[in-house]
């Protein structure tokens, strides 16, 4: 099966018939992530913040997301794993909420602390320092998000491997992609 870029009706049929493999699920997640980041950065770009660093940040976040999704996929068992998207999106809720809270706290600390530390006297171009710092923070939070999900997916796979009742029989074993 190929990725359905436009034909939702065909994708619905394949999903209903169990025709989307774990590897194909990974690629749907990769494409969805890139589309999400593109929309977010596009809005920022046309919202008045334009710089080469924003474009570099967009590329870096997309690369981190693609690599992070591949690591999550491997942690889930790769092509022979199961329920990749279900696990990924379910784990994304508590991991995402924790990071959202951490981001709000870090954001407030930066909002009130940055102008006190990064001044015209201490840095020639405080705005550029702010841009670099924002670039760094976006990358760190993206890495932490995928790292924590991959960690929890490994834990799920370990529990499955340790429980013989959860092992698929020969007939139920998913085909390698």
Protein backbone atom coordinates (compact mmCIF):
# COMPACT_ATOMS: atom_id res chain seq x y z
CA UNK A 1 0.00 0.00 0.00
CA UNK A 2 1.17 3.50 -0.79
CA UNK A 3 0.60 6.62 1.26
CA UNK A 4 -2.72 8.21 0.32
CA UNK A 5 -1.88 11.87 -0.08
CA UNK A 6 -5.34 13.00 -1.12
CA UNK A 7 -7.78 10.07 -1.31
CA UNK A 8 -9.27 9.92 2.16
CA UNK A 9 -11.91 7.41 1.02
CA UNK A 10 -9.23 4.88 0.05
CA UNK A 11 -7.38 5.41 3.31
CA UNK A 12 -10.61 4.89 5.27
CA UNK A 13 -11.14 1.57 3.48
CA UNK A 14 -7.60 0.41 4.17
CA UNK A 15 -7.77 1.44 7.81
CA UNK A 16 -11.12 -0.31 8.21
CA UNK A 17 -9.71 -3.50 6.67
CA UNK A 18 -6.45 -3.45 8.64
CA UNK A 19 -4.51 -2.62 5.49
CA UNK A 20 -2.19 0.00 7.00
CA UNK A 21 1.00 -1.59 8.32
CA UNK A 22 3.07 -0.36 11.26
CA UNK A 23 5.73 1.02 8.89
CA UNK A 24 3.08 2.88 6.91
CA UNK A 25 1.75 4.25 10.21
CA UNK A 26 5.23 5.65 10.89
CA UNK A 27 5.24 7.47 7.56
CA UNK A 28 1.76 8.89 8.14
CA UNK A 29 3.03 10.19 11.51
CA UNK A 30 6.15 11.70 9.87
CA UNK A 31 4.14 13.44 7.17
CA UNK A 32 1.54 14.68 9.69
CA UNK A 33 4.30 16.11 11.89
CA UNK A 34 5.95 17.95 9.02
CA UNK A 35 2.57 19.36 7.93
CA UNK A 36 1.88 20.50 11.50
CA UNK A 37 5.28 22.19 11.85
CA UNK A 38 4.94 23.79 8.42
CA UNK A 39 1.59 25.30 9.43
CA UNK A 40 2.97 26.55 12.73
CA UNK A 41 6.09 28.14 11.21
CA UNK A 42 4.16 29.48 8.22
CA UNK A 43 1.85 31.34 10.60
CA UNK A 44 4.84 32.71 12.49
CA UNK A 45 6.56 33.74 9.25
CA UNK A 46 3.52 35.68 8.04
CA UNK A 47 2.76 36.90 11.54
CA UNK A 48 5.62 39.35 11.25
CA UNK A 49 8.65 37.39 12.46
CA UNK A 50 10.89 36.68 9.49
CA UNK A 51 14.51 35.70 9.65
CA UNK A 52 16.90 33.11 8.31
CA UNK A 53 17.08 31.69 11.84
CA UNK A 54 13.35 30.94 11.78
CA UNK A 55 13.85 28.91 8.59
CA UNK A 56 16.79 27.07 10.16
CA UNK A 57 14.68 26.39 13.25
CA UNK A 58 11.86 25.01 11.10
CA UNK A 59 14.26 22.64 9.31
CA UNK A 60 15.90 21.61 12.61
CA UNK A 61 12.56 20.89 14.29
CA UNK A 62 11.41 18.86 11.28
CA UNK A 63 14.64 16.84 11.27
CA UNK A 64 14.34 16.25 15.03
CA UNK A 65 10.73 15.15 14.55
CA UNK A 66 11.56 12.71 11.74
CA UNK A 67 14.46 11.21 13.69
CA UNK A 68 12.39 11.19 16.89
CA UNK A 69 9.52 9.37 15.21
CA UNK A 70 11.91 6.79 13.79
CA UNK A 71 13.36 6.22 17.27
CA UNK A 72 9.86 5.88 18.72
CA UNK A 73 9.03 3.40 15.96
CA UNK A 74 12.13 1.33 16.75
CA UNK A 75 11.36 1.49 20.48
CA UNK A 76 7.89 0.13 19.72
CA UNK A 77 9.38 -2.89 17.95
CA UNK A 78 9.81 -1.55 14.43
CA UNK A 79 7.88 -3.24 11.64
CA UNK A 80 6.99 -6.16 13.95
CA UNK A 81 5.68 -3.88 16.70
CA UNK A 82 2.02 -3.15 17.17
CA UNK A 83 -0.26 -0.18 17.73
CA UNK A 84 2.44 2.39 16.95
CA UNK A 85 0.14 5.32 16.28
CA UNK A 86 -2.20 4.44 19.14
CA UNK A 87 0.69 4.32 21.59
CA UNK A 88 2.41 7.36 20.14
CA UNK A 89 -0.64 9.60 20.35
CA UNK A 90 -1.79 8.27 23.72
CA UNK A 91 1.66 8.81 25.24
CA UNK A 92 1.72 12.23 23.58
CA UNK A 93 -0.98 13.45 25.94
CA UNK A 94 0.80 13.13 29.31
CA UNK A 95 4.23 13.84 27.81
CA UNK A 96 2.82 16.84 25.94
CA UNK A 97 1.01 18.19 29.01
CA UNK A 98 4.14 17.93 31.15
CA UNK A 99 6.17 19.72 28.49
CA UNK A 100 3.47 22.36 28.05
CA UNK A 101 3.62 23.12 31.77
CA UNK A 102 7.43 23.12 31.72
CA UNK A 103 7.35 25.39 28.67
CA UNK A 104 5.01 27.84 30.41
CA UNK A 105 7.26 27.94 33.49
CA UNK A 106 10.42 28.33 31.40
CA UNK A 107 8.64 30.94 29.28
CA UNK A 108 7.72 33.01 32.34
CA UNK A 109 11.24 32.74 33.74
CA UNK A 110 12.62 33.88 30.39
CA UNK A 111 10.05 36.66 30.05
CA UNK A 112 10.99 38.18 33.38
CA UNK A 113 14.66 37.15 33.57
CA UNK A 114 15.97 37.59 30.04
CA UNK A 115 15.75 41.42 29.97
CA UNK A 116 17.64 41.57 33.27
CA UNK A 117 20.50 39.35 32.06
CA UNK A 118 20.70 40.15 28.35
CA UNK A 119 21.04 43.91 28.13
CA UNK A 120 22.55 46.33 25.66
CA UNK A 121 25.49 46.68 28.04
CA UNK A 122 26.18 42.94 28.28
CA UNK A 123 25.52 42.03 24.62
CA UNK A 124 26.01 43.98 21.43
CA UNK A 125 22.77 42.63 19.92
CA UNK A 126 20.31 41.41 22.58
CA UNK A 127 17.64 40.65 19.97
CA UNK A 128 19.98 38.22 18.18
CA UNK A 129 20.77 36.56 21.52
CA UNK A 130 17.00 36.21 22.03
CA UNK A 131 16.63 34.60 18.59
CA UNK A 132 19.44 32.12 19.29
CA UNK A 133 17.99 31.30 22.68
CA UNK A 134 14.52 30.72 21.18
CA UNK A 135 16.06 28.48 18.51
CA UNK A 136 17.82 26.45 21.19
CA UNK A 137 14.69 26.13 23.38
CA UNK A 138 12.51 24.95 20.46
CA UNK A 139 15.03 22.23 19.63
CA UNK A 140 15.43 21.12 23.24
CA UNK A 141 11.70 20.79 23.85
CA UNK A 142 11.26 18.86 20.58
CA UNK A 143 14.08 16.45 21.48
CA UNK A 144 12.70 15.92 24.99
CA UNK A 145 9.21 15.21 23.62
CA UNK A 146 10.34 12.39 21.31
CA UNK A 147 12.91 11.07 23.78
CA UNK A 148 10.28 10.63 26.51
CA UNK A 149 7.78 8.96 24.17
CA UNK A 150 10.47 6.57 22.89
CA UNK A 151 11.43 5.79 26.49
CA UNK A 152 7.84 4.88 27.38
CA UNK A 153 7.39 2.87 24.17
CA UNK A 154 10.44 0.80 25.15
CA UNK A 155 8.82 0.19 28.52
CA UNK A 156 5.63 -1.02 26.82
CA UNK A 157 7.60 -3.33 24.51
CA UNK A 158 9.53 -4.72 27.50
CA UNK A 159 6.29 -5.52 29.34
CA UNK A 160 4.91 -7.21 26.21
CA UNK A 161 8.04 -9.33 25.75
CA UNK A 162 8.01 -10.41 29.39
CA UNK A 163 4.39 -11.62 29.23
CA UNK A 164 4.00 -14.79 27.11
CA UNK A 165 0.23 -14.26 26.92
CA UNK A 166 0.80 -11.01 25.02
CA UNK A 167 3.02 -12.65 22.36
CA UNK A 168 1.37 -13.12 18.97
CA UNK A 169 0.98 -16.65 17.72
CA UNK A 170 2.31 -17.66 14.30
CA UNK A 171 -0.99 -16.84 12.58
CA UNK A 172 -1.35 -13.42 14.20
CA UNK A 173 2.25 -12.24 13.78
CA UNK A 174 2.28 -9.10 11.65
CA UNK A 175 4.02 -9.34 8.30
CA UNK A 176 7.30 -7.48 7.97
CA UNK A 177 7.04 -4.35 5.87
